[in-house]
Protein backbone atom coordinates (compact mmCIF):
# COMPACT_ATOMS: atom_id res chain seq x y z
CA UNK A 1 -7.48 -11.20 1.15
CA UNK A 2 -5.77 -11.49 4.47
CA UNK A 3 -6.69 -14.29 6.87
CA UNK A 4 -5.25 -16.02 9.89
CA UNK A 5 -3.14 -19.08 9.07
CA UNK A 6 -2.03 -21.67 11.61
CA UNK A 7 0.40 -24.55 11.57
CA UNK A 8 -0.09 -27.90 13.26
CA UNK A 9 1.62 -26.61 16.42
CA UNK A 10 -0.90 -23.77 16.71
CA UNK A 11 1.45 -20.95 15.68
CA UNK A 12 -0.52 -18.29 13.84
CA UNK A 13 0.15 -15.56 11.31
CA UNK A 14 -2.14 -12.99 9.67
CA UNK A 15 -1.28 -12.94 5.98
CA UNK A 16 -2.54 -13.39 2.45
CA UNK A 17 -1.67 -16.19 0.09
CA UNK A 18 0.22 -14.83 -2.90
CA UNK A 19 1.52 -18.03 -4.45
CA UNK A 20 0.81 -21.74 -4.29
CA UNK A 21 2.73 -24.34 -6.25
CA UNK A 22 3.23 -28.04 -5.59
CA UNK A 23 2.32 -27.79 -1.90
CA UNK A 24 4.52 -24.75 -1.23
CA UNK A 25 2.98 -21.41 -0.27
CA UNK A 26 4.18 -17.84 -0.14
CA UNK A 27 2.27 -15.79 2.42
CA UNK A 28 2.64 -12.02 2.77
CA UNK A 29 1.90 -10.19 6.00
CA UNK A 30 0.36 -6.67 5.93
CA UNK A 31 3.83 -5.13 6.51
CA UNK A 32 5.14 -6.89 3.38
CA UNK A 33 7.12 -9.63 5.13
CA UNK A 34 7.08 -12.85 3.09
CA UNK A 35 6.73 -16.26 4.68
CA UNK A 36 7.36 -19.58 2.95
CA UNK A 37 5.24 -22.44 4.18
CA UNK A 38 4.61 -26.04 3.29
CA UNK A 39 0.98 -27.10 2.95
CA UNK A 40 1.75 -30.32 4.84
CA UNK A 41 2.65 -28.30 7.98
CA UNK A 42 -0.54 -26.24 8.00
CA UNK A 43 -3.54 -26.89 10.22
CA UNK A 44 -6.31 -29.15 8.96
CA UNK A 45 -8.59 -26.10 8.61
CA UNK A 46 -6.07 -24.29 6.41
CA UNK A 47 -5.50 -27.34 4.21
CA UNK A 48 -9.28 -27.63 3.81
CA UNK A 49 -9.45 -23.92 2.86
CA UNK A 50 -6.72 -24.39 0.24
CA UNK A 51 -8.53 -27.40 -1.25
CA UNK A 52 -11.77 -25.39 -1.48
CA UNK A 53 -10.01 -22.45 -3.15
CA UNK A 54 -8.30 -24.75 -5.64
CA UNK A 55 -11.66 -26.38 -6.45
CA UNK A 56 -13.18 -22.94 -7.15
CA UNK A 57 -10.38 -22.16 -9.60
CA UNK A 58 -10.75 -25.50 -11.36
CA UNK A 59 -14.40 -24.73 -12.24
């Protein structure tokens, strides 16, 4: 689902994660706009969320 993402500078976007591969993300906003992001530039909270989601899928 959609959630608020933030980078390390505090810039925020409301989007859903549609693809994750090798530290690269594709986020899609509700209006359909796609955003490419690097996991390394995300906030600590978002990197923790990604790690938790990946752990769920590995089980």
